[in-house]
Amino acid sequence: MIIEELCLAPILAVPNFDILLEVEFDYTGVDIRVVLTQVKHSLAYFDEKLSGPKLNHPTYEKEIDTMIQALTYGNHYINPKPFIIHSYHKALSYLN
């Protein structure tokens, strides 16, 4: 059962700042999701539903907003060291 898994298994790992951190984010139509991972273990998770005028923005703008949210949310993890960003949106792959 899910409740047993939540009680018995560690859900989020403790970060090791000697290992590279990865930021994965995605915009899924009405929500933005951000996961901070390290060696395939989740460190933090952020999920927000979009509402109001943000829903009318173009997709690339929503993806950039999602990236900004991801970097803002995980700033205390990613600030001291280099990190990798993963995005599922093709237009954002051209950003340096």
Protein backbone atom coordinates (compact mmCIF):
# COMPACT_ATOMS: atom_id res chain seq x y z
CA MET A 1 0.00 0.00 0.00
CA ILE A 2 1.05 3.57 -0.56
CA ILE A 3 0.70 4.49 3.12
CA GLU A 4 3.10 1.71 4.13
CA GLU A 5 5.63 2.86 1.51
CA LEU A 6 5.42 6.42 2.82
CA CYS A 7 6.03 5.23 6.38
CA LEU A 8 8.74 2.66 5.72
CA ALA A 9 10.85 3.83 2.80
CA PRO A 10 12.71 7.12 2.60
CA ILE A 11 10.97 9.23 -0.03
CA LEU A 12 13.45 12.10 -0.38
CA ALA A 13 17.20 11.75 -0.11
CA VAL A 14 19.59 14.10 1.68
CA PRO A 15 21.74 16.05 -0.79
CA ASN A 16 25.44 15.38 -1.15
CA PHE A 17 27.01 18.59 -2.45
CA ASP A 18 30.06 16.72 -3.76
CA ILE A 19 27.85 15.10 -6.45
CA LEU A 20 26.24 16.93 -9.38
CA LEU A 21 22.61 17.98 -8.86
CA GLU A 22 20.00 17.68 -11.62
CA VAL A 23 16.92 19.88 -12.00
CA GLU A 24 14.08 18.37 -14.03
CA PHE A 25 11.03 20.43 -14.84
CA ASP A 26 7.95 20.12 -17.01
CA TYR A 27 4.87 22.10 -17.87
CA THR A 28 1.88 19.81 -18.36
CA GLY A 29 -0.94 22.08 -19.53
CA VAL A 30 -2.28 23.37 -16.22
CA ASP A 31 0.57 22.55 -13.87
CA ILE A 32 4.27 22.94 -13.46
CA ARG A 33 6.36 20.22 -11.87
CA VAL A 34 9.92 20.44 -10.62
CA VAL A 35 12.05 17.58 -9.27
CA LEU A 36 15.56 18.00 -7.90
CA THR A 37 17.50 14.75 -8.17
CA GLN A 38 20.93 13.40 -7.49
CA VAL A 39 22.08 9.97 -8.70
CA LYS A 40 18.46 8.97 -9.50
CA HIS A 41 17.25 9.87 -5.96
CA SER A 42 14.74 12.68 -5.47
CA LEU A 43 15.82 15.48 -3.15
CA ALA A 44 12.87 17.87 -3.49
CA TYR A 45 9.61 18.09 -5.41
CA PHE A 46 7.49 21.13 -6.34
CA ASP A 47 4.10 21.12 -8.05
CA GLU A 48 1.92 24.16 -8.77
CA LYS A 49 -1.37 24.53 -10.64
CA LEU A 50 -1.55 27.48 -13.02
CA SER A 51 -4.62 29.67 -13.04
CA GLY A 52 -5.89 32.96 -14.37
CA PRO A 53 -3.94 34.87 -17.01
CA LYS A 54 -0.95 32.49 -16.86
CA LEU A 55 -3.06 29.87 -18.67
CA ASN A 56 -3.32 32.17 -21.72
CA HIS A 57 0.44 32.62 -22.17
CA PRO A 58 2.18 30.83 -25.06
CA THR A 59 3.73 27.44 -24.29
CA TYR A 60 7.35 28.63 -24.53
CA GLU A 61 6.58 31.40 -22.02
CA LYS A 62 5.03 28.87 -19.62
CA GLU A 63 8.12 26.68 -19.98
CA ILE A 64 10.44 29.59 -19.21
CA ASP A 65 8.26 30.47 -16.20
CA THR A 66 8.56 26.85 -15.11
CA MET A 67 12.34 26.99 -15.44
CA ILE A 68 12.46 30.20 -13.37
CA GLN A 69 10.24 28.58 -10.71
CA ALA A 70 12.52 25.53 -10.67
CA LEU A 71 15.66 27.59 -10.20
CA THR A 72 14.00 29.79 -7.57
CA TYR A 73 12.60 26.83 -5.64
CA GLY A 74 15.84 24.88 -5.67
CA ASN A 75 18.16 27.87 -5.23
CA HIS A 76 19.42 26.80 -1.80
CA TYR A 77 20.39 23.40 -3.27
CA ILE A 78 21.85 24.47 -6.60
CA ASN A 79 23.51 27.79 -5.78
CA PRO A 80 26.84 26.58 -4.42
CA LYS A 81 27.74 24.15 -7.28
CA PRO A 82 27.21 23.52 -11.01
CA PHE A 83 24.04 21.62 -11.94
CA ILE A 84 22.26 20.07 -14.94
CA ILE A 85 18.85 21.18 -16.21
CA HIS A 86 16.50 18.72 -17.95
CA SER A 87 13.53 20.04 -19.92
CA TYR A 88 11.06 18.28 -22.20
CA HIS A 89 10.42 21.37 -24.30
CA LYS A 90 12.39 21.58 -27.56
CA ALA A 91 12.56 25.41 -27.71
CA LEU A 92 14.31 25.60 -24.34
CA SER A 93 17.06 23.23 -25.48
CA TYR A 94 18.64 26.17 -27.37
CA LEU A 95 19.23 28.21 -24.18
CA ASN A 96 22.76 28.29 -22.80
